[in-house]
C-alpha atoms as a PDB file:
ATOM      1  CA  MET A   1      10.549 -87.075 -16.990  1.00  0.00           C
ATOM      2  CA  GLU A   2       9.294 -89.735 -19.374  1.00  0.00           C
ATOM      3  CA  LEU A   3       9.420 -92.606 -16.886  1.00  0.00           C
ATOM      4  CA  GLY A   4       6.866 -91.017 -14.562  1.00  0.00           C
ATOM      5  CA  SER A   5       7.808 -92.496 -11.164  1.00  0.00           C
ATOM      6  CA  ALA A   6      10.709 -93.400  -8.903  1.00  0.00           C
ATOM      7  CA  ARG A   7       9.982 -97.117  -9.417  1.00  0.00           C
ATOM      8  CA  ALA A   8       9.971 -96.777 -13.210  1.00  0.00           C
ATOM      9  CA  TYR A   9      13.346 -95.013 -13.012  1.00  0.00           C
ATOM     10  CA  LEU A  10      14.754 -97.798 -10.817  1.00  0.00           C
ATOM     11  CA  ASP A  11      13.439-100.488 -13.177  1.00  0.00           C
ATOM     12  CA  TRP A  12      15.057 -98.718 -16.133  1.00  0.00           C
ATOM     13  CA  GLU A  13      18.341 -98.338 -14.232  1.00  0.00           C
ATOM     14  CA  LEU A  14      18.389-102.024 -13.208  1.00  0.00           C
ATOM     15  CA  LYS A  15      17.929-103.086 -16.833  1.00  0.00           C
ATOM     16  CA  GLN A  16      21.140-101.185 -17.636  1.00  0.00           C
ATOM     17  CA  ALA A  17      23.162-102.870 -14.861  1.00  0.00           C
ATOM     18  CA  PRO A  18      25.164-105.936 -15.913  1.00  0.00           C
ATOM     19  CA  LYS A  19      24.966-109.128 -13.839  1.00  0.00           C
ATOM     20  CA  ARG A  20      22.760-107.651 -11.132  1.00  0.00           C
ATOM     21  CA  LYS A  21      21.030-109.296  -8.215  1.00  0.00           C
ATOM     22  CA  VAL A  22      18.321-107.268  -6.494  1.00  0.00           C
ATOM     23  CA  LEU A  23      18.439-107.733  -2.728  1.00  0.00           C
ATOM     24  CA  GLN A  24      15.680-105.361  -1.612  1.00  0.00           C
ATOM     25  CA  VAL A  25      13.276-102.785  -3.079  1.00  0.00           C
ATOM     26  CA  ARG A  26      10.829-100.765  -0.999  1.00  0.00           C
ATOM     27  CA  GLU A  27       8.462 -98.043  -2.122  1.00  0.00           C
ATOM     28  CA  ILE A  28       8.308 -95.353   0.573  1.00  0.00           C
ATOM     29  CA  MET A  29       7.503 -91.708   1.193  1.00  0.00           C
ATOM     30  CA  PHE A  30      10.582 -89.541   1.738  1.00  0.00           C
ATOM     31  CA  LEU A  31      10.124 -85.933   2.842  1.00  0.00           C
ATOM     32  CA  GLY A  32       6.513 -86.246   1.724  1.00  0.00           C
ATOM     33  CA  PHE A  33       7.364 -87.404  -1.813  1.00  0.00           C
ATOM     34  CA  PRO A  34       7.051 -90.847  -3.436  1.00  0.00           C
ATOM     35  CA  ALA A  35      10.409 -92.623  -3.350  1.00  0.00           C
ATOM     36  CA  VAL A  36      12.052 -96.010  -3.761  1.00  0.00           C
ATOM     37  CA  GLU A  37      14.833 -97.540  -1.683  1.00  0.00           C
ATOM     38  CA  ALA A  38      16.858-100.259  -3.382  1.00  0.00           C
ATOM     39  CA  ARG A  39      19.807-102.459  -2.530  1.00  0.00           C
ATOM     40  CA  TYR A  40      21.421-104.668  -5.157  1.00  0.00           C
ATOM     41  CA  ARG A  41      24.681-106.303  -6.241  1.00  0.00           C
ATOM     42  CA  VAL A  42      26.376-105.656  -9.555  1.00  0.00           C
ATOM     43  CA  ASN A  43      29.304-107.574 -11.021  1.00  0.00           C
ATOM     44  CA  ALA A  44      30.872-105.294 -13.618  1.00  0.00           C
ATOM     45  CA  ASP A  45      34.307-105.853 -15.105  1.00  0.00           C
ATOM     46  CA  GLY A  46      34.966-108.647 -12.593  1.00  0.00           C
ATOM     47  CA  SER A  47      34.431-106.311  -9.650  1.00  0.00           C
ATOM     48  CA  LEU A  48      31.588-106.952  -7.206  1.00  0.00           C
ATOM     49  CA  ARG A  49      29.853-103.787  -5.989  1.00  0.00           C
ATOM     50  CA  LEU A  50      27.002-103.360  -3.538  1.00  0.00           C
ATOM     51  CA  LYS A  51      24.701-100.466  -4.341  1.00  0.00           C
ATOM     52  CA  GLU A  52      22.137 -98.696  -2.231  1.00  0.00           C
ATOM     53  CA  GLU A  53      19.890 -96.064  -3.763  1.00  0.00           C
ATOM     54  CA  LEU A  54      17.222 -93.661  -2.694  1.00  0.00           C
ATOM     55  CA  ILE A  55      15.268 -92.368  -5.674  1.00  0.00           C
ATOM     56  CA  ILE A  56      12.906 -89.462  -4.997  1.00  0.00           C
ATOM     57  CA  PHE A  57      10.279 -88.337  -7.495  1.00  0.00           C
ATOM     58  CA  PRO A  58       8.660 -85.063  -6.425  1.00  0.00           C
ATOM     59  CA  GLY A  59       6.153 -85.200  -9.283  1.00  0.00           C
ATOM     60  CA  SER A  60       7.809 -82.698 -11.568  1.00  0.00           C
ATOM     61  CA  ASP A  61      10.429 -83.008 -14.273  1.00  0.00           C
ATOM     62  CA  LEU A  62      13.054 -83.658 -11.586  1.00  0.00           C
ATOM     63  CA  ILE A  63      14.244 -86.843  -9.998  1.00  0.00           C
ATOM     64  CA  TYR A  64      16.722 -87.045  -7.135  1.00  0.00           C
ATOM     65  CA  VAL A  65      19.007 -90.050  -6.729  1.00  0.00           C
ATOM     66  CA  LEU A  66      21.218 -90.641  -3.698  1.00  0.00           C
ATOM     67  CA  MET A  67      23.503 -93.595  -4.386  1.00  0.00           C
ATOM     68  CA  LEU A  68      26.104 -95.580  -2.501  1.00  0.00           C
ATOM     69  CA  SER A  69      28.397 -97.876  -4.460  1.00  0.00           C
ATOM     70  CA  THR A  70      30.894 -99.822  -2.370  1.00  0.00           C
ATOM     71  CA  THR A  71      32.692-103.141  -1.986  1.00  0.00           C
ATOM     72  CA  PRO A  72      31.260-105.950   0.176  1.00  0.00           C
ATOM     73  CA  GLN A  73      34.187-105.501   2.586  1.00  0.00           C
ATOM     74  CA  ASP A  74      33.445-101.783   3.140  1.00  0.00           C
ATOM     75  CA  HIS A  75      29.657-102.004   3.028  1.00  0.00           C
ATOM     76  CA  GLY A  76      29.053-101.882   6.805  1.00  0.00           C
ATOM     77  CA  ARG A  77      31.030 -98.690   7.348  1.00  0.00           C
ATOM     78  CA  ASP A  78      29.920 -97.033   4.115  1.00  0.00           C
ATOM     79  CA  SER A  79      26.241 -97.907   4.642  1.00  0.00           C
ATOM     80  CA  ALA A  80      26.299 -96.164   8.028  1.00  0.00           C
ATOM     81  CA  LEU A  81      27.790 -93.052   6.399  1.00  0.00           C
ATOM     82  CA  PHE A  82      25.176 -93.226   3.623  1.00  0.00           C
ATOM     83  CA  ALA A  83      22.396 -93.336   6.255  1.00  0.00           C
ATOM     84  CA  HIS A  84      23.885 -90.206   7.837  1.00  0.00           C
ATOM     85  CA  ILE A  85      23.927 -88.428   4.458  1.00  0.00           C
ATOM     86  CA  ARG A  86      20.311 -89.436   3.787  1.00  0.00           C
ATOM     87  CA  ALA A  87      19.232 -88.131   7.181  1.00  0.00           C
ATOM     88  CA  GLY A  88      20.709 -84.719   6.355  1.00  0.00           C
ATOM     89  CA  PHE A  89      19.257 -84.493   2.839  1.00  0.00           C
ATOM     90  CA  HIS A  90      16.602 -81.793   2.345  1.00  0.00           C
ATOM     91  CA  LEU A  91      14.790 -80.548  -0.716  1.00  0.00           C
ATOM     92  CA  LEU A  92      14.559 -76.790  -0.996  1.00  0.00           C
ATOM     93  CA  PRO A  93      11.950 -75.087  -3.153  1.00  0.00           C
ATOM     94  CA  ILE A  94      13.138 -74.097  -6.585  1.00  0.00           C
ATOM     95  CA  PRO A  95      12.866 -70.329  -6.941  1.00  0.00           C
ATOM     96  CA  THR A  96      10.326 -69.073  -9.422  1.00  0.00           C
ATOM     97  CA  GLY A  97      10.492 -65.829 -11.291  1.00  0.00           C
ATOM     98  CA  GLU A  98      11.390 -64.297 -14.550  1.00  0.00           C
ATOM     99  CA  CYS A  99      14.552 -64.804 -16.500  1.00  0.00           C
ATOM    100  CA  SER A 100      16.084 -62.008 -18.510  1.00  0.00           C
ATOM    101  CA  ASN A 101      18.981 -62.203 -20.934  1.00  0.00           C
ATOM    102  CA  GLN A 102      19.607 -58.431 -20.893  1.00  0.00           C
END
């Protein structure tokens, strides 16, 4: 990945978001990997959305993004569900081996 870190990916993503207001950003370790948690508001097409993200960068060419996008009215309920999903998220090793097209 050209951006090189979870924070660099978040910064790039936030630059793409119209009319955003960042509420919280925390750099953390998640399952032993560098990660970023972010919460921000976006006003796109006249619709206000609250977003929560967990961006995990395991140091390879992969990046994992768990994202919640919801309305302010549903944020309490949806945020609790998002926390439950995050708690159950696990990274499994990617199998290595040979590939054959025969």
